[in-house]
Amino acid sequence: MKMTIEEYADEFNLLIETVNAKLKEKQLNYTIEDGTIYIDVAQKPSTQLVKPKTTVATVIALYQKENRQLKEKIAQLEAKIDKLIDDKEQMLRAERDKIEQLYATKDEQIKNILELINTKMMLQTQAQQTIHEVESLPNETQDKPEEKLVELKEYLKTLDLKSSQRKQIKKRFLAVYDNDIRVIQQNGKLYLDFSKYDYSDLLNL
C-alpha cells in the first residue's frame, strides 16, 4: 500500500514535518513516481491503524517544545557570536597596543638621532670658529699653560669626590679629548677652560 506524505500524516495523525524528518532519517520506505514521494505502508488490521485523534492541546504542546528548542539554539548561536566579537576586539586592542609601542620606540630613536646630529653640528661649528688651544699656543707658552686654563687633575682634587669617582671622570675626559675641543692636552696633561666652555656633562656622575 502506498500513501503520499499528506495521506500518511493524516492517516497516522502526524505532522507533515515529522513525516519528512522520518523520511530523511530513512525510517520509512518510499518510492518516487513522477516527482511525487509515495510511502510504502504494510497492510495491517484496521484495528492497528486506528489511533486516537491528535488534540489541540497535543499540537500546542508540540509547537511549544519546538519553540523552546529553537530558542535554545538561538541563545547558543548568540553566545557564540558574542564570544567571537569579544575575541576579535581583544585581538584588535592587542594589535593597536603593538602599533602604538612600535611608533613610540621609533619616535624615541628618531629623537636620539636628531639630538646626536645637533650635537655634532654644534661641535663642528665650534671647531670652525675656534682654533684648538694646542695649535694656537706659541712654542714658548706650550710648556706652561695660560693662567685661565685649569689642570683637570688639580681641579678634581678640589672637589669632594672619592678616588674612584675622580678616576672615572678622568677616563671620561681621556675618551673624548681627541674629538672634543673643550678638552685641551698639553705635555701629557689635560686642561679645562671654564671661561669658554661648560663641562657639566663630563663632570656629572
N, C-alpha and C. Protein backbone atom coordinates (compact mmCIF):
# COMPACT_ATOMS: atom_id res chain seq x y z
N MET A 1 0.85 -1.19 0.00
CA MET A 1 0.00 0.00 0.00
C MET A 1 0.90 1.24 0.00
N LYS A 2 0.55 2.22 -0.84
CA LYS A 2 1.35 3.43 -0.95
C LYS A 2 0.51 4.64 -0.57
N MET A 3 1.15 5.56 0.10
CA MET A 3 0.48 6.79 0.51
C MET A 3 1.40 7.98 0.24
N THR A 4 0.78 9.10 -0.10
CA THR A 4 1.57 10.33 -0.20
C THR A 4 1.91 10.79 1.21
N ILE A 5 2.77 11.80 1.28
CA ILE A 5 3.16 12.30 2.60
C ILE A 5 1.97 12.85 3.36
N GLU A 6 1.11 13.57 2.65
CA GLU A 6 -0.07 14.13 3.29
C GLU A 6 -1.01 13.04 3.78
N GLU A 7 -1.20 12.00 2.95
CA GLU A 7 -2.09 10.90 3.33
C GLU A 7 -1.53 10.15 4.55
N TYR A 8 -0.21 9.94 4.52
CA TYR A 8 0.41 9.21 5.62
C TYR A 8 0.28 10.00 6.93
N ALA A 9 0.50 11.32 6.86
CA ALA A 9 0.40 12.15 8.05
C ALA A 9 -1.02 12.16 8.58
N ASP A 10 -1.99 12.24 7.67
CA ASP A 10 -3.40 12.25 8.09
C ASP A 10 -3.81 10.90 8.67
N GLU A 11 -3.28 9.83 8.06
CA GLU A 11 -3.66 8.50 8.50
C GLU A 11 -3.14 8.19 9.90
N PHE A 12 -1.92 8.63 10.16
CA PHE A 12 -1.32 8.28 11.46
C PHE A 12 -1.26 9.48 12.41
N ASN A 13 -2.04 10.54 12.10
CA ASN A 13 -2.13 11.70 12.99
C ASN A 13 -0.76 12.30 13.29
N LEU A 14 0.00 12.52 12.25
CA LEU A 14 1.35 13.09 12.39
C LEU A 14 1.43 14.41 11.65
N LEU A 15 2.37 15.23 12.09
CA LEU A 15 2.64 16.46 11.36
C LEU A 15 3.43 16.14 10.09
N ILE A 16 3.22 16.93 9.06
CA ILE A 16 3.96 16.71 7.82
C ILE A 16 5.46 16.84 8.06
N GLU A 17 5.86 17.81 8.93
CA GLU A 17 7.29 17.97 9.26
C GLU A 17 7.86 16.71 9.89
N THR A 18 7.03 16.06 10.73
CA THR A 18 7.50 14.83 11.37
C THR A 18 7.70 13.72 10.34
N VAL A 19 6.80 13.63 9.38
CA VAL A 19 6.92 12.61 8.33
C VAL A 19 8.17 12.87 7.49
N ASN A 20 8.39 14.15 7.13
CA ASN A 20 9.59 14.49 6.35
C ASN A 20 10.87 14.13 7.10
N ALA A 21 10.85 14.37 8.42
CA ALA A 21 12.02 14.03 9.23
C ALA A 21 12.27 12.52 9.21
N LYS A 22 11.19 11.74 9.30
CA LYS A 22 11.34 10.29 9.26
C LYS A 22 11.88 9.82 7.91
N LEU A 23 11.45 10.50 6.85
CA LEU A 23 11.95 10.15 5.52
C LEU A 23 13.46 10.46 5.42
N LYS A 24 13.86 11.62 5.94
CA LYS A 24 15.29 11.98 5.89
C LYS A 24 16.13 11.01 6.68
N GLU A 25 15.59 10.55 7.78
CA GLU A 25 16.33 9.61 8.63
C GLU A 25 16.17 8.15 8.16
N LYS A 26 15.48 8.01 7.02
CA LYS A 26 15.29 6.69 6.42
C LYS A 26 14.58 5.70 7.35
N GLN A 27 13.65 6.25 8.14
CA GLN A 27 12.84 5.39 9.00
C GLN A 27 11.62 4.82 8.25
N LEU A 28 11.37 5.38 7.05
CA LEU A 28 10.23 4.92 6.24
C LEU A 28 10.72 4.53 4.86
N ASN A 29 10.13 3.51 4.32
CA ASN A 29 10.43 3.11 2.95
C ASN A 29 9.56 3.93 2.01
N TYR A 30 10.14 4.37 0.90
CA TYR A 30 9.37 5.20 -0.02
C TYR A 30 9.92 5.03 -1.43
N THR A 31 9.09 5.47 -2.35
CA THR A 31 9.48 5.50 -3.76
C THR A 31 9.05 6.83 -4.35
N ILE A 32 9.68 7.19 -5.45
CA ILE A 32 9.35 8.46 -6.11
C ILE A 32 8.82 8.15 -7.50
N GLU A 33 7.64 8.61 -7.75
CA GLU A 33 7.00 8.37 -9.03
C GLU A 33 6.50 9.72 -9.58
N ASP A 34 7.01 10.06 -10.79
CA ASP A 34 6.63 11.32 -11.43
C ASP A 34 6.83 12.50 -10.49
N GLY A 35 7.91 12.45 -9.71
CA GLY A 35 8.23 13.56 -8.83
C GLY A 35 7.47 13.56 -7.53
N THR A 36 6.63 12.58 -7.29
CA THR A 36 5.84 12.51 -6.06
C THR A 36 6.37 11.39 -5.19
N ILE A 37 6.51 11.66 -3.89
CA ILE A 37 7.00 10.65 -2.95
C ILE A 37 5.82 9.83 -2.45
N TYR A 38 5.98 8.51 -2.55
CA TYR A 38 4.96 7.58 -2.03
C TYR A 38 5.61 6.74 -0.94
N ILE A 39 4.95 6.72 0.20
CA ILE A 39 5.46 5.95 1.34
C ILE A 39 4.85 4.55 1.29
N ASP A 40 5.74 3.56 1.41
CA ASP A 40 5.26 2.17 1.41
C ASP A 40 4.75 1.83 2.80
N VAL A 41 3.47 1.45 2.87
CA VAL A 41 2.84 1.11 4.15
C VAL A 41 2.37 -0.33 4.09
N ALA A 42 2.84 -1.12 5.04
CA ALA A 42 2.41 -2.52 5.08
C ALA A 42 0.96 -2.59 5.56
N GLN A 43 0.24 -3.55 4.98
CA GLN A 43 -1.16 -3.73 5.36
C GLN A 43 -1.25 -4.27 6.78
N LYS A 44 -2.05 -3.64 7.59
CA LYS A 44 -2.26 -4.08 8.98
C LYS A 44 -3.74 -4.13 9.26
N PRO A 45 -4.09 -4.91 10.21
CA PRO A 45 -5.51 -4.93 10.58
C PRO A 45 -6.00 -3.54 10.90
N SER A 46 -7.20 -3.30 10.54
CA SER A 46 -7.78 -1.96 10.71
C SER A 46 -7.74 -1.51 12.15
N THR A 47 -7.75 -2.48 13.06
CA THR A 47 -7.75 -2.10 14.48
C THR A 47 -6.42 -1.46 14.86
N GLN A 48 -5.30 -1.87 14.15
CA GLN A 48 -4.00 -1.30 14.48
C GLN A 48 -3.81 0.07 13.83
N LEU A 49 -4.52 0.34 12.75
CA LEU A 49 -4.37 1.62 12.08
C LEU A 49 -5.15 2.72 12.77
N VAL A 50 -6.11 2.34 13.56
CA VAL A 50 -6.94 3.34 14.21
C VAL A 50 -6.20 3.86 15.43
N LYS A 51 -5.91 5.13 15.40
CA LYS A 51 -5.25 5.77 16.54
C LYS A 51 -6.09 6.95 16.99
N PRO A 52 -5.93 7.28 18.22
CA PRO A 52 -6.71 8.42 18.71
C PRO A 52 -6.31 9.70 17.99
N LYS A 53 -7.26 10.53 17.72
CA LYS A 53 -7.03 11.79 17.03
C LYS A 53 -6.16 12.71 17.90
N THR A 54 -5.32 13.46 17.22
CA THR A 54 -4.48 14.43 17.93
C THR A 54 -5.33 15.59 18.39
N THR A 55 -5.21 15.92 19.65
CA THR A 55 -6.00 17.02 20.20
C THR A 55 -5.25 18.33 19.99
N VAL A 56 -5.99 19.43 20.16
CA VAL A 56 -5.40 20.76 20.03
C VAL A 56 -4.30 20.96 21.07
N ALA A 57 -4.54 20.45 22.28
CA ALA A 57 -3.55 20.59 23.34
C ALA A 57 -2.24 19.90 22.98
N THR A 58 -2.37 18.71 22.31
CA THR A 58 -1.17 17.98 21.92
C THR A 58 -0.37 18.78 20.88
N VAL A 59 -1.10 19.35 19.91
CA VAL A 59 -0.43 20.15 18.88
C VAL A 59 0.24 21.37 19.49
N ILE A 60 -0.45 22.04 20.41
CA ILE A 60 0.13 23.22 21.07
C ILE A 60 1.38 22.84 21.85
N ALA A 61 1.29 21.70 22.57
CA ALA A 61 2.45 21.26 23.35
C ALA A 61 3.64 20.96 22.44
N LEU A 62 3.35 20.38 21.27
CA LEU A 62 4.42 20.07 20.32
C LEU A 62 5.07 21.34 19.80
N TYR A 63 4.24 22.31 19.43
CA TYR A 63 4.78 23.58 18.95
C TYR A 63 5.57 24.30 20.04
N GLN A 64 5.09 24.22 21.27
CA GLN A 64 5.82 24.85 22.38
C GLN A 64 7.18 24.19 22.59
N LYS A 65 7.23 22.87 22.45
CA LYS A 65 8.50 22.16 22.59
C LYS A 65 9.48 22.58 21.49
N GLU A 66 8.96 22.63 20.24
CA GLU A 66 9.82 23.05 19.14
C GLU A 66 10.28 24.50 19.31
N ASN A 67 9.37 25.33 19.84
CA ASN A 67 9.71 26.73 20.07
C ASN A 67 10.83 26.86 21.11
N ARG A 68 10.73 26.04 22.19
CA ARG A 68 11.79 26.07 23.21
C ARG A 68 13.12 25.62 22.62
N GLN A 69 13.09 24.60 21.78
CA GLN A 69 14.31 24.11 21.16
C GLN A 69 14.93 25.18 20.26
N LEU A 70 14.08 25.88 19.51
CA LEU A 70 14.59 26.95 18.66
C LEU A 70 15.19 28.08 19.48
N LYS A 71 14.53 28.43 20.59
CA LYS A 71 15.06 29.49 21.44
C LYS A 71 16.42 29.10 22.03
N GLU A 72 16.56 27.83 22.42
CA GLU A 72 17.84 27.36 22.95
C GLU A 72 18.95 27.46 21.89
N LYS A 73 18.60 27.04 20.65
CA LYS A 73 19.58 27.13 19.58
C LYS A 73 19.98 28.58 19.30
N ILE A 74 18.97 29.47 19.32
CA ILE A 74 19.24 30.89 19.08
C ILE A 74 20.15 31.45 20.18
N ALA A 75 19.86 31.06 21.44
CA ALA A 75 20.69 31.53 22.56
C ALA A 75 22.12 31.03 22.42
N GLN A 76 22.27 29.77 21.99
CA GLN A 76 23.61 29.23 21.80
C GLN A 76 24.36 29.98 20.70
N LEU A 77 23.65 30.26 19.59
CA LEU A 77 24.27 31.00 18.50
C LEU A 77 24.66 32.41 18.92
N GLU A 78 23.78 33.07 19.67
CA GLU A 78 24.10 34.42 20.15
C GLU A 78 25.31 34.41 21.07
N ALA A 79 25.41 33.38 21.93
CA ALA A 79 26.57 33.27 22.82
C ALA A 79 27.86 33.10 22.03
N LYS A 80 27.80 32.26 20.97
CA LYS A 80 28.98 32.05 20.12
C LYS A 80 29.37 33.35 19.41
N ILE A 81 28.36 34.07 18.92
CA ILE A 81 28.64 35.34 18.23
C ILE A 81 29.28 36.35 19.18
N ASP A 82 28.74 36.43 20.42
CA ASP A 82 29.31 37.36 21.41
C ASP A 82 30.76 37.01 21.71
N LYS A 83 31.04 35.71 21.81
CA LYS A 83 32.42 35.29 22.11
C LYS A 83 33.36 35.64 20.95
N LEU A 84 32.88 35.43 19.72
CA LEU A 84 33.69 35.79 18.56
C LEU A 84 33.97 37.29 18.52
N ILE A 85 32.96 38.08 18.84
CA ILE A 85 33.14 39.54 18.85
C ILE A 85 34.15 39.95 19.91
N ASP A 86 34.03 39.35 21.12
CA ASP A 86 34.98 39.67 22.19
C ASP A 86 36.40 39.29 21.81
N ASP A 87 36.55 38.10 21.21
CA ASP A 87 37.89 37.66 20.79
C ASP A 87 38.47 38.61 19.75
N LYS A 88 37.61 39.04 18.80
CA LYS A 88 38.08 39.94 17.76
C LYS A 88 38.49 41.29 18.35
N GLU A 89 37.71 41.79 19.31
CA GLU A 89 38.04 43.06 19.94
C GLU A 89 39.35 42.96 20.70
N GLN A 90 39.58 41.85 21.38
CA GLN A 90 40.84 41.66 22.11
C GLN A 90 42.01 41.64 21.15
N MET A 91 41.84 40.96 20.01
CA MET A 91 42.91 40.92 19.01
C MET A 91 43.20 42.32 18.47
N LEU A 92 42.16 43.09 18.21
CA LEU A 92 42.34 44.44 17.69
C LEU A 92 43.02 45.34 18.71
N ARG A 93 42.62 45.20 20.00
CA ARG A 93 43.26 46.01 21.04
C ARG A 93 44.73 45.65 21.17
N ALA A 94 45.04 44.34 21.13
CA ALA A 94 46.44 43.92 21.23
C ALA A 94 47.25 44.44 20.05
N GLU A 95 46.67 44.39 18.85
CA GLU A 95 47.36 44.88 17.65
C GLU A 95 47.57 46.40 17.74
N ARG A 96 46.56 47.10 18.26
CA ARG A 96 46.70 48.56 18.42
C ARG A 96 47.81 48.89 19.40
N ASP A 97 47.87 48.15 20.52
CA ASP A 97 48.92 48.40 21.52
C ASP A 97 50.31 48.15 20.93
N LYS A 98 50.44 47.10 20.11
CA LYS A 98 51.73 46.79 19.48
C LYS A 98 52.16 47.92 18.54
N ILE A 99 51.19 48.43 17.76
CA ILE A 99 51.50 49.51 16.82
C ILE A 99 51.89 50.77 17.58
N GLU A 100 51.16 51.10 18.65
CA GLU A 100 51.49 52.29 19.43
C GLU A 100 52.87 52.16 20.05
N GLN A 101 53.21 50.96 20.57
CA GLN A 101 54.52 50.74 21.15
C GLN A 101 55.62 50.89 20.11
N LEU A 102 55.34 50.37 18.91
CA LEU A 102 56.32 50.46 17.82
C LEU A 102 56.58 51.92 17.45
N TYR A 103 55.51 52.70 17.31
CA TYR A 103 55.68 54.10 16.97
C TYR A 103 56.39 54.87 18.08
N ALA A 104 56.09 54.53 19.33
CA ALA A 104 56.76 55.20 20.45
C ALA A 104 58.26 54.91 20.43
N THR A 105 58.61 53.66 20.13
CA THR A 105 60.03 53.29 20.05
C THR A 105 60.71 54.03 18.91
N LYS A 106 60.04 54.07 17.75
CA LYS A 106 60.60 54.76 16.59
C LYS A 106 60.78 56.26 16.88
N ASP A 107 59.79 56.87 17.55
CA ASP A 107 59.88 58.28 17.88
C ASP A 107 61.08 58.55 18.79
N GLU A 108 61.30 57.65 19.76
CA GLU A 108 62.42 57.82 20.68
C GLU A 108 63.75 57.68 19.93
N GLN A 109 63.82 56.74 19.01
CA GLN A 109 65.04 56.56 18.22
C GLN A 109 65.32 57.78 17.35
N ILE A 110 64.27 58.30 16.71
CA ILE A 110 64.44 59.49 15.86
C ILE A 110 64.87 60.68 16.71
N LYS A 111 64.30 60.82 17.89
CA LYS A 111 64.67 61.91 18.79
C LYS A 111 66.15 61.82 19.16
N ASN A 112 66.60 60.61 19.50
CA ASN A 112 68.01 60.42 19.86
C ASN A 112 68.94 60.74 18.69
N ILE A 113 68.53 60.32 17.49
CA ILE A 113 69.36 60.59 16.30
C ILE A 113 69.45 62.09 16.04
N LEU A 114 68.32 62.79 16.16
CA LEU A 114 68.31 64.23 15.93
C LEU A 114 69.17 64.96 16.96
N GLU A 115 69.11 64.50 18.21
CA GLU A 115 69.92 65.11 19.25
C GLU A 115 71.41 64.89 18.97
N LEU A 116 71.75 63.67 18.51
CA LEU A 116 73.14 63.38 18.18
C LEU A 116 73.63 64.25 17.02
N ILE A 117 72.80 64.37 15.97
CA ILE A 117 73.16 65.20 14.82
C ILE A 117 73.33 66.66 15.25
N ASN A 118 72.42 67.13 16.10
CA ASN A 118 72.50 68.52 16.57
C ASN A 118 73.79 68.75 17.36
N THR A 119 74.15 67.78 18.20
CA THR A 119 75.37 67.91 18.99
C THR A 119 76.60 67.95 18.09
N LYS A 120 76.63 67.06 17.08
CA LYS A 120 77.77 67.04 16.16
C LYS A 120 77.88 68.34 15.37
N MET A 121 76.73 68.89 14.95
CA MET A 121 76.75 70.14 14.21
C MET A 121 77.27 71.28 15.08
N MET A 122 76.88 71.29 16.36
CA MET A 122 77.35 72.32 17.27
C MET A 122 78.86 72.22 17.47
N LEU A 123 79.34 70.98 17.62
CA LEU A 123 80.78 70.78 17.80
C LEU A 123 81.55 71.20 16.56
N GLN A 124 81.01 70.88 15.37
CA GLN A 124 81.67 71.27 14.14
C GLN A 124 81.71 72.79 13.99
N THR A 125 80.61 73.45 14.37
CA THR A 125 80.57 74.91 14.30
C THR A 125 81.60 75.53 15.23
N GLN A 126 81.67 74.96 16.45
CA GLN A 126 82.66 75.46 17.40
C GLN A 126 84.07 75.22 16.90
N ALA A 127 84.29 74.09 16.23
CA ALA A 127 85.62 73.78 15.72
C ALA A 127 86.02 74.75 14.62
N GLN A 128 85.04 75.18 13.80
CA GLN A 128 85.34 76.12 12.72
C GLN A 128 85.61 77.52 13.26
N GLN A 129 84.98 77.87 14.37
CA GLN A 129 85.11 79.23 14.90
C GLN A 129 86.29 79.36 15.86
N THR A 130 86.72 78.25 16.44
CA THR A 130 87.77 78.31 17.47
C THR A 130 88.92 77.39 17.10
N ILE A 131 90.12 77.87 17.18
CA ILE A 131 91.31 77.05 16.93
C ILE A 131 91.67 76.34 18.21
N HIS A 132 92.03 75.08 18.10
CA HIS A 132 92.36 74.30 19.29
C HIS A 132 93.51 74.97 20.04
N GLU A 133 93.44 75.00 21.33
CA GLU A 133 94.43 75.70 22.16
C GLU A 133 95.84 75.17 21.94
N VAL A 134 95.96 73.87 21.68
CA VAL A 134 97.28 73.28 21.48
C VAL A 134 97.93 73.86 20.25
N GLU A 135 97.11 74.08 19.20
CA GLU A 135 97.64 74.61 17.94
C GLU A 135 97.88 76.12 18.01
N SER A 136 97.14 76.82 18.86
CA SER A 136 97.23 78.27 18.89
C SER A 136 98.33 78.78 19.79
N LEU A 137 98.76 77.98 20.76
CA LEU A 137 99.77 78.46 21.70
C LEU A 137 101.15 78.47 21.06
N PRO A 138 101.96 79.51 21.24
CA PRO A 138 103.34 79.54 20.73
C PRO A 138 104.17 78.49 21.44
N ASN A 139 105.33 78.20 20.86
CA ASN A 139 106.20 77.17 21.42
C ASN A 139 106.62 77.49 22.83
N GLU A 140 106.89 78.78 23.09
CA GLU A 140 107.40 79.13 24.40
C GLU A 140 106.32 79.06 25.47
N THR A 141 105.03 79.08 25.04
CA THR A 141 103.96 79.02 26.03
C THR A 141 103.39 77.63 26.18
N GLN A 142 103.80 76.69 25.33
CA GLN A 142 103.26 75.34 25.42
C GLN A 142 103.77 74.63 26.66
N ASP A 143 104.93 75.02 27.14
CA ASP A 143 105.45 74.38 28.34
C ASP A 143 104.66 74.78 29.57
N LYS A 144 104.02 75.94 29.49
CA LYS A 144 103.27 76.44 30.63
C LYS A 144 101.93 76.99 30.16
N PRO A 145 100.82 76.34 30.47
CA PRO A 145 99.50 76.80 30.01
C PRO A 145 99.17 78.17 30.57
N GLU A 146 98.29 78.88 29.82
CA GLU A 146 97.85 80.18 30.29
C GLU A 146 97.12 80.04 31.62
N GLU A 147 97.10 81.10 32.37
CA GLU A 147 96.56 81.07 33.71
C GLU A 147 95.06 80.73 33.73
N LYS A 148 94.36 81.04 32.65
CA LYS A 148 92.91 80.77 32.63
C LYS A 148 92.60 79.29 32.49
N LEU A 149 93.61 78.48 32.08
CA LEU A 149 93.41 77.05 31.97
C LEU A 149 93.62 76.39 33.32
N VAL A 150 92.78 75.39 33.60
CA VAL A 150 92.86 74.66 34.87
C VAL A 150 93.16 73.21 34.57
N GLU A 151 94.18 72.67 35.23
CA GLU A 151 94.52 71.26 35.00
C GLU A 151 93.42 70.38 35.60
N LEU A 152 93.02 69.39 34.82
CA LEU A 152 91.91 68.52 35.24
C LEU A 152 92.22 67.83 36.56
N LYS A 153 93.40 67.30 36.69
CA LYS A 153 93.76 66.54 37.90
C LYS A 153 93.68 67.43 39.14
N GLU A 154 94.23 68.67 39.01
CA GLU A 154 94.20 69.57 40.15
C GLU A 154 92.78 70.02 40.47
N TYR A 155 91.98 70.21 39.42
CA TYR A 155 90.60 70.64 39.65
C TYR A 155 89.80 69.56 40.37
N LEU A 156 90.02 68.31 39.99
CA LEU A 156 89.28 67.21 40.62
C LEU A 156 89.63 67.09 42.09
N LYS A 157 90.88 67.46 42.45
CA LYS A 157 91.27 67.39 43.86
C LYS A 157 90.48 68.38 44.71
N THR A 158 90.03 69.44 44.09
CA THR A 158 89.29 70.45 44.84
C THR A 158 87.84 70.03 45.10
N LEU A 159 87.40 69.00 44.38
CA LEU A 159 86.02 68.54 44.54
C LEU A 159 85.93 67.47 45.60
N ASP A 160 84.80 67.41 46.26
CA ASP A 160 84.58 66.42 47.31
C ASP A 160 84.19 65.09 46.66
N LEU A 161 85.21 64.41 46.10
CA LEU A 161 84.96 63.17 45.37
C LEU A 161 85.86 62.06 45.90
N LYS A 162 85.41 60.84 45.72
CA LYS A 162 86.23 59.69 46.06
C LYS A 162 87.25 59.48 44.95
N SER A 163 88.30 58.72 45.30
CA SER A 163 89.35 58.46 44.32
C SER A 163 88.79 57.75 43.09
N SER A 164 87.88 56.80 43.33
CA SER A 164 87.30 56.07 42.20
C SER A 164 86.48 56.99 41.30
N GLN A 165 85.80 57.98 41.93
CA GLN A 165 84.99 58.92 41.14
C GLN A 165 85.88 59.83 40.30
N ARG A 166 87.02 60.27 40.87
CA ARG A 166 87.95 61.11 40.10
C ARG A 166 88.52 60.34 38.91
N LYS A 167 88.83 59.06 39.15
CA LYS A 167 89.36 58.24 38.05
C LYS A 167 88.32 58.07 36.95
N GLN A 168 87.08 57.90 37.37
CA GLN A 168 86.00 57.73 36.39
C GLN A 168 85.85 58.98 35.52
N ILE A 169 85.92 60.17 36.14
CA ILE A 169 85.78 61.41 35.38
C ILE A 169 86.98 61.60 34.46
N LYS A 170 88.17 61.28 34.97
CA LYS A 170 89.37 61.43 34.14
C LYS A 170 89.32 60.52 32.92
N LYS A 171 88.85 59.29 33.09
CA LYS A 171 88.70 58.38 31.95
C LYS A 171 87.73 58.95 30.93
N ARG A 172 86.69 59.61 31.42
CA ARG A 172 85.69 60.17 30.52
C ARG A 172 86.30 61.29 29.66
N PHE A 173 87.15 62.12 30.27
CA PHE A 173 87.82 63.18 29.52
C PHE A 173 88.82 62.61 28.52
N LEU A 174 89.55 61.56 28.94
CA LEU A 174 90.53 60.95 28.04
C LEU A 174 89.86 60.33 26.82
N ALA A 175 88.65 59.84 27.01
CA ALA A 175 87.95 59.16 25.92
C ALA A 175 87.47 60.13 24.84
N VAL A 176 87.29 61.41 25.20
CA VAL A 176 86.69 62.34 24.23
C VAL A 176 87.62 63.47 23.79
N TYR A 177 88.82 63.59 24.40
CA TYR A 177 89.59 64.80 24.13
C TYR A 177 90.01 64.94 22.67
N ASP A 178 90.16 63.81 21.94
CA ASP A 178 90.54 63.91 20.53
C ASP A 178 89.45 64.56 19.68
N ASN A 179 88.18 64.39 20.09
CA ASN A 179 87.07 64.88 19.29
C ASN A 179 86.33 66.06 19.94
N ASP A 180 86.75 66.43 21.14
CA ASP A 180 86.05 67.49 21.88
C ASP A 180 87.01 68.66 22.09
N ILE A 181 86.73 69.79 21.44
CA ILE A 181 87.65 70.94 21.50
C ILE A 181 87.67 71.56 22.90
N ARG A 182 86.74 71.19 23.74
CA ARG A 182 86.71 71.75 25.10
C ARG A 182 87.86 71.21 25.95
N VAL A 183 88.35 70.02 25.58
CA VAL A 183 89.40 69.37 26.37
C VAL A 183 90.76 69.67 25.71
N ILE A 184 91.65 70.24 26.46
CA ILE A 184 92.96 70.66 25.94
C ILE A 184 94.04 69.79 26.57
N GLN A 185 94.92 69.27 25.73
CA GLN A 185 96.03 68.44 26.23
C GLN A 185 97.36 69.14 25.93
N GLN A 186 98.15 69.25 26.93
CA GLN A 186 99.48 69.83 26.79
C GLN A 186 100.45 69.09 27.70
N ASN A 187 101.58 68.68 27.10
CA ASN A 187 102.63 68.00 27.87
C ASN A 187 102.07 66.81 28.64
N GLY A 188 101.15 66.08 28.00
CA GLY A 188 100.61 64.87 28.62
C GLY A 188 99.59 65.14 29.70
N LYS A 189 99.14 66.39 29.86
CA LYS A 189 98.15 66.72 30.88
C LYS A 189 96.90 67.30 30.21
N LEU A 190 95.78 67.14 30.89
CA LEU A 190 94.52 67.67 30.39
C LEU A 190 94.17 68.95 31.11
N TYR A 191 93.72 69.95 30.33
CA TYR A 191 93.36 71.25 30.90
C TYR A 191 91.93 71.61 30.50
N LEU A 192 91.31 72.41 31.36
CA LEU A 192 89.95 72.87 31.12
C LEU A 192 89.94 74.39 31.09
N ASP A 193 89.06 74.93 30.24
CA ASP A 193 88.90 76.38 30.15
C ASP A 193 87.46 76.73 30.51
N PHE A 194 87.22 77.01 31.77
CA PHE A 194 85.87 77.28 32.24
C PHE A 194 85.35 78.63 31.75
N SER A 195 86.25 79.47 31.27
CA SER A 195 85.80 80.77 30.77
C SER A 195 85.12 80.66 29.41
N LYS A 196 85.37 79.56 28.72
CA LYS A 196 84.79 79.38 27.40
C LYS A 196 83.76 78.26 27.34
N TYR A 197 83.97 77.21 28.11
CA TYR A 197 83.18 76.01 27.92
C TYR A 197 82.50 75.55 29.21
N ASP A 198 81.46 74.77 28.97
CA ASP A 198 80.73 74.13 30.07
C ASP A 198 81.07 72.64 30.06
N TYR A 199 81.50 72.13 31.19
CA TYR A 199 81.93 70.72 31.29
C TYR A 199 80.99 69.89 32.17
N SER A 200 79.80 70.41 32.42
CA SER A 200 78.90 69.70 33.35
C SER A 200 78.56 68.29 32.87
N ASP A 201 78.46 68.10 31.53
CA ASP A 201 78.10 66.77 31.03
C ASP A 201 79.19 65.74 31.28
N LEU A 202 80.48 66.22 31.36
CA LEU A 202 81.59 65.30 31.60
C LEU A 202 81.90 65.15 33.08
N LEU A 203 81.54 66.13 33.88
CA LEU A 203 81.86 66.09 35.30
C LEU A 203 80.79 65.44 36.15
N ASN A 204 79.53 65.42 35.64
CA ASN A 204 78.44 64.83 36.43
C ASN A 204 78.61 63.33 36.53
N LEU A 205 78.28 62.79 37.70
CA LEU A 205 78.37 61.35 37.92
C LEU A 205 76.99 60.74 37.75
